[in-house]
Amino acid sequence: MSDLNRGIMKFNGADKPVVIAVSSVIVLGAIAGLIVWALQVAYAVE
């Protein structure tokens, strides 16, 4: 059993590169969205 198949990712195939890539894109996209939102709110950039 891979270390990536434990913890939150408790399903078969959690250590596949495609699953890792999709989840990392989702996480990085959410972080980027929060940064853009925070900059727009803080500095009123239009």
PDB file of N, CA and C in Angstrom:
ATOM      1  N   MET A   1       0.844  -1.188   0.000  1.00  0.00           N
ATOM      2  CA  MET A   1       0.000   0.000   0.000  1.00  0.00           C
ATOM      3  C   MET A   1       0.884   1.245   0.000  1.00  0.00           C
ATOM      4  N   SER A   2       0.573   2.147  -0.874  1.00  0.00           N
ATOM      5  CA  SER A   2       1.325   3.390  -0.974  1.00  0.00           C
ATOM      6  C   SER A   2       0.957   4.324   0.179  1.00  0.00           C
ATOM      7  N   ASP A   3       1.859   5.221   0.511  1.00  0.00           N
ATOM      8  CA  ASP A   3       1.568   6.208   1.551  1.00  0.00           C
ATOM      9  C   ASP A   3       0.469   7.168   1.115  1.00  0.00           C
ATOM     10  N   LEU A   4       0.289   7.353  -0.210  1.00  0.00           N
ATOM     11  CA  LEU A   4      -0.757   8.246  -0.691  1.00  0.00           C
ATOM     12  C   LEU A   4      -2.138   7.615  -0.598  1.00  0.00           C
ATOM     13  N   ASN A   5      -2.206   6.327  -0.315  1.00  0.00           N
ATOM     14  CA  ASN A   5      -3.475   5.626  -0.211  1.00  0.00           C
ATOM     15  C   ASN A   5      -3.943   5.559   1.246  1.00  0.00           C
ATOM     16  N   ARG A   6      -3.466   6.447   2.073  1.00  0.00           N
ATOM     17  CA  ARG A   6      -3.842   6.494   3.488  1.00  0.00           C
ATOM     18  C   ARG A   6      -4.339   7.885   3.840  1.00  0.00           C
ATOM     19  N   GLY A   7      -4.824   8.051   5.040  1.00  0.00           N
ATOM     20  CA  GLY A   7      -5.271   9.361   5.489  1.00  0.00           C
ATOM     21  C   GLY A   7      -6.559   9.776   4.801  1.00  0.00           C
ATOM     22  N   ILE A   8      -6.584  10.987   4.249  1.00  0.00           N
ATOM     23  CA  ILE A   8      -7.787  11.506   3.601  1.00  0.00           C
ATOM     24  C   ILE A   8      -8.077  10.742   2.317  1.00  0.00           C
ATOM     25  N   MET A   9      -7.021  10.370   1.583  1.00  0.00           N
ATOM     26  CA  MET A   9      -7.177   9.716   0.279  1.00  0.00           C
ATOM     27  C   MET A   9      -7.345   8.212   0.460  1.00  0.00           C
ATOM     28  N   LYS A  10      -8.397   7.772   1.137  1.00  0.00           N
ATOM     29  CA  LYS A  10      -8.621   6.349   1.393  1.00  0.00           C
ATOM     30  C   LYS A  10      -9.501   5.749   0.312  1.00  0.00           C
ATOM     31  N   PHE A  11      -8.945   5.558  -0.880  1.00  0.00           N
ATOM     32  CA  PHE A  11      -9.649   4.839  -1.924  1.00  0.00           C
ATOM     33  C   PHE A  11      -8.630   4.222  -2.858  1.00  0.00           C
ATOM     34  N   ASN A  12      -9.047   3.196  -3.551  1.00  0.00           N
ATOM     35  CA  ASN A  12      -8.138   2.521  -4.465  1.00  0.00           C
ATOM     36  C   ASN A  12      -7.780   3.450  -5.624  1.00  0.00           C
ATOM     37  N   GLY A  13      -6.516   3.508  -5.955  1.00  0.00           N
ATOM     38  CA  GLY A  13      -6.069   4.357  -7.042  1.00  0.00           C
ATOM     39  C   GLY A  13      -5.722   5.764  -6.615  1.00  0.00           C
ATOM     40  N   ALA A  14      -5.648   6.014  -5.332  1.00  0.00           N
ATOM     41  CA  ALA A  14      -5.333   7.360  -4.853  1.00  0.00           C
ATOM     42  C   ALA A  14      -3.898   7.760  -5.174  1.00  0.00           C
ATOM     43  N   ASP A  15      -3.053   6.777  -5.485  1.00  0.00           N
ATOM     44  CA  ASP A  15      -1.661   7.098  -5.776  1.00  0.00           C
ATOM     45  C   ASP A  15      -1.384   7.165  -7.278  1.00  0.00           C
ATOM     46  N   LYS A  16      -2.428   7.203  -8.099  1.00  0.00           N
ATOM     47  CA  LYS A  16      -2.239   7.341  -9.542  1.00  0.00           C
ATOM     48  C   LYS A  16      -1.834   8.777  -9.874  1.00  0.00           C
ATOM     49  N   PRO A  17      -0.932   8.956 -10.824  1.00  0.00           N
ATOM     50  CA  PRO A  17      -0.491  10.314 -11.181  1.00  0.00           C
ATOM     51  C   PRO A  17      -1.623  11.224 -11.650  1.00  0.00           C
ATOM     52  N   VAL A  18      -2.626  10.666 -12.322  1.00  0.00           N
ATOM     53  CA  VAL A  18      -3.737  11.494 -12.798  1.00  0.00           C
ATOM     54  C   VAL A  18      -4.533  12.050 -11.627  1.00  0.00           C
ATOM     55  N   VAL A  19      -4.790  11.237 -10.633  1.00  0.00           N
ATOM     56  CA  VAL A  19      -5.548  11.679  -9.461  1.00  0.00           C
ATOM     57  C   VAL A  19      -4.764  12.736  -8.698  1.00  0.00           C
ATOM     58  N   ILE A  20      -3.467  12.527  -8.568  1.00  0.00           N
ATOM     59  CA  ILE A  20      -2.620  13.503  -7.873  1.00  0.00           C
ATOM     60  C   ILE A  20      -2.593  14.821  -8.633  1.00  0.00           C
ATOM     61  N   ALA A  21      -2.494  14.757  -9.963  1.00  0.00           N
ATOM     62  CA  ALA A  21      -2.458  15.978 -10.773  1.00  0.00           C
ATOM     63  C   ALA A  21      -3.770  16.748 -10.681  1.00  0.00           C
ATOM     64  N   VAL A  22      -4.897  16.048 -10.762  1.00  0.00           N
ATOM     65  CA  VAL A  22      -6.197  16.719 -10.694  1.00  0.00           C
ATOM     66  C   VAL A  22      -6.398  17.368  -9.332  1.00  0.00           C
ATOM     67  N   SER A  23      -6.066  16.666  -8.269  1.00  0.00           N
ATOM     68  CA  SER A  23      -6.256  17.242  -6.938  1.00  0.00           C
ATOM     69  C   SER A  23      -5.319  18.425  -6.701  1.00  0.00           C
ATOM     70  N   SER A  24      -4.107  18.359  -7.236  1.00  0.00           N
ATOM     71  CA  SER A  24      -3.195  19.490  -7.054  1.00  0.00           C
ATOM     72  C   SER A  24      -3.651  20.698  -7.857  1.00  0.00           C
ATOM     73  N   VAL A  25      -4.222  20.483  -9.047  1.00  0.00           N
ATOM     74  CA  VAL A  25      -4.755  21.607  -9.830  1.00  0.00           C
ATOM     75  C   VAL A  25      -5.925  22.253  -9.100  1.00  0.00           C
ATOM     76  N   ILE A  26      -6.778  21.445  -8.494  1.00  0.00           N
ATOM     77  CA  ILE A  26      -7.915  21.986  -7.746  1.00  0.00           C
ATOM     78  C   ILE A  26      -7.436  22.810  -6.557  1.00  0.00           C
ATOM     79  N   VAL A  27      -6.478  22.285  -5.819  1.00  0.00           N
ATOM     80  CA  VAL A  27      -5.973  22.995  -4.634  1.00  0.00           C
ATOM     81  C   VAL A  27      -5.265  24.291  -5.036  1.00  0.00           C
ATOM     82  N   LEU A  28      -4.383  24.217  -6.039  1.00  0.00           N
ATOM     83  CA  LEU A  28      -3.666  25.419  -6.467  1.00  0.00           C
ATOM     84  C   LEU A  28      -4.603  26.447  -7.090  1.00  0.00           C
ATOM     85  N   GLY A  29      -5.623  25.991  -7.796  1.00  0.00           N
ATOM     86  CA  GLY A  29      -6.612  26.913  -8.353  1.00  0.00           C
ATOM     87  C   GLY A  29      -7.404  27.621  -7.268  1.00  0.00           C
ATOM     88  N   ALA A  30      -7.754  26.891  -6.223  1.00  0.00           N
ATOM     89  CA  ALA A  30      -8.479  27.510  -5.109  1.00  0.00           C
ATOM     90  C   ALA A  30      -7.607  28.543  -4.406  1.00  0.00           C
ATOM     91  N   ILE A  31      -6.332  28.232  -4.227  1.00  0.00           N
ATOM     92  CA  ILE A  31      -5.424  29.185  -3.590  1.00  0.00           C
ATOM     93  C   ILE A  31      -5.271  30.429  -4.455  1.00  0.00           C
ATOM     94  N   ALA A  32      -5.099  30.236  -5.759  1.00  0.00           N
ATOM     95  CA  ALA A  32      -4.966  31.381  -6.671  1.00  0.00           C
ATOM     96  C   ALA A  32      -6.238  32.222  -6.664  1.00  0.00           C
ATOM     97  N   GLY A  33      -7.388  31.575  -6.645  1.00  0.00           N
ATOM     98  CA  GLY A  33      -8.647  32.308  -6.592  1.00  0.00           C
ATOM     99  C   GLY A  33      -8.789  33.126  -5.327  1.00  0.00           C
ATOM    100  N   LEU A  34      -8.380  32.566  -4.209  1.00  0.00           N
ATOM    101  CA  LEU A  34      -8.439  33.311  -2.948  1.00  0.00           C
ATOM    102  C   LEU A  34      -7.487  34.503  -2.949  1.00  0.00           C
ATOM    103  N   ILE A  35      -6.312  34.337  -3.544  1.00  0.00           N
ATOM    104  CA  ILE A  35      -5.358  35.444  -3.611  1.00  0.00           C
ATOM    105  C   ILE A  35      -5.907  36.570  -4.481  1.00  0.00           C
ATOM    106  N   VAL A  36      -6.464  36.217  -5.638  1.00  0.00           N
ATOM    107  CA  VAL A  36      -7.048  37.228  -6.527  1.00  0.00           C
ATOM    108  C   VAL A  36      -8.202  37.930  -5.844  1.00  0.00           C
ATOM    109  N   TRP A  37      -9.065  37.169  -5.184  1.00  0.00           N
ATOM    110  CA  TRP A  37     -10.197  37.768  -4.478  1.00  0.00           C
ATOM    111  C   TRP A  37      -9.726  38.713  -3.370  1.00  0.00           C
ATOM    112  N   ALA A  38      -8.713  38.280  -2.618  1.00  0.00           N
ATOM    113  CA  ALA A  38      -8.211  39.108  -1.519  1.00  0.00           C
ATOM    114  C   ALA A  38      -7.601  40.406  -2.044  1.00  0.00           C
ATOM    115  N   LEU A  39      -6.879  40.334  -3.143  1.00  0.00           N
ATOM    116  CA  LEU A  39      -6.291  41.554  -3.717  1.00  0.00           C
ATOM    117  C   LEU A  39      -7.371  42.496  -4.232  1.00  0.00           C
ATOM    118  N   GLN A  40      -8.418  41.951  -4.818  1.00  0.00           N
ATOM    119  CA  GLN A  40      -9.503  42.804  -5.304  1.00  0.00           C
ATOM    120  C   GLN A  40     -10.244  43.476  -4.152  1.00  0.00           C
ATOM    121  N   VAL A  41     -10.436  42.763  -3.083  1.00  0.00           N
ATOM    122  CA  VAL A  41     -11.158  43.335  -1.936  1.00  0.00           C
ATOM    123  C   VAL A  41     -10.291  44.355  -1.215  1.00  0.00           C
ATOM    124  N   ALA A  42      -9.017  44.060  -1.074  1.00  0.00           N
ATOM    125  CA  ALA A  42      -8.145  44.934  -0.298  1.00  0.00           C
ATOM    126  C   ALA A  42      -7.779  46.210  -1.049  1.00  0.00           C
ATOM    127  N   TYR A  43      -7.584  46.110  -2.351  1.00  0.00           N
ATOM    128  CA  TYR A  43      -7.079  47.271  -3.099  1.00  0.00           C
ATOM    129  C   TYR A  43      -8.066  47.798  -4.123  1.00  0.00           C
ATOM    130  N   ALA A  44      -9.263  47.269  -4.206  1.00  0.00           N
ATOM    131  CA  ALA A  44     -10.299  47.736  -5.129  1.00  0.00           C
ATOM    132  C   ALA A  44      -9.766  47.816  -6.556  1.00  0.00           C
ATOM    133  N   VAL A  45      -9.084  46.779  -7.000  1.00  0.00           N
ATOM    134  CA  VAL A  45      -8.577  46.723  -8.376  1.00  0.00           C
ATOM    135  C   VAL A  45      -9.727  46.359  -9.299  1.00  0.00           C
ATOM    136  N   GLU A  46      -9.846  47.097 -10.403  1.00  0.00           N
ATOM    137  CA  GLU A  46     -10.955  46.813 -11.304  1.00  0.00           C
ATOM    138  C   GLU A  46     -10.501  46.173 -12.566  1.00  0.00           C
TER     139      GLU A  46
END
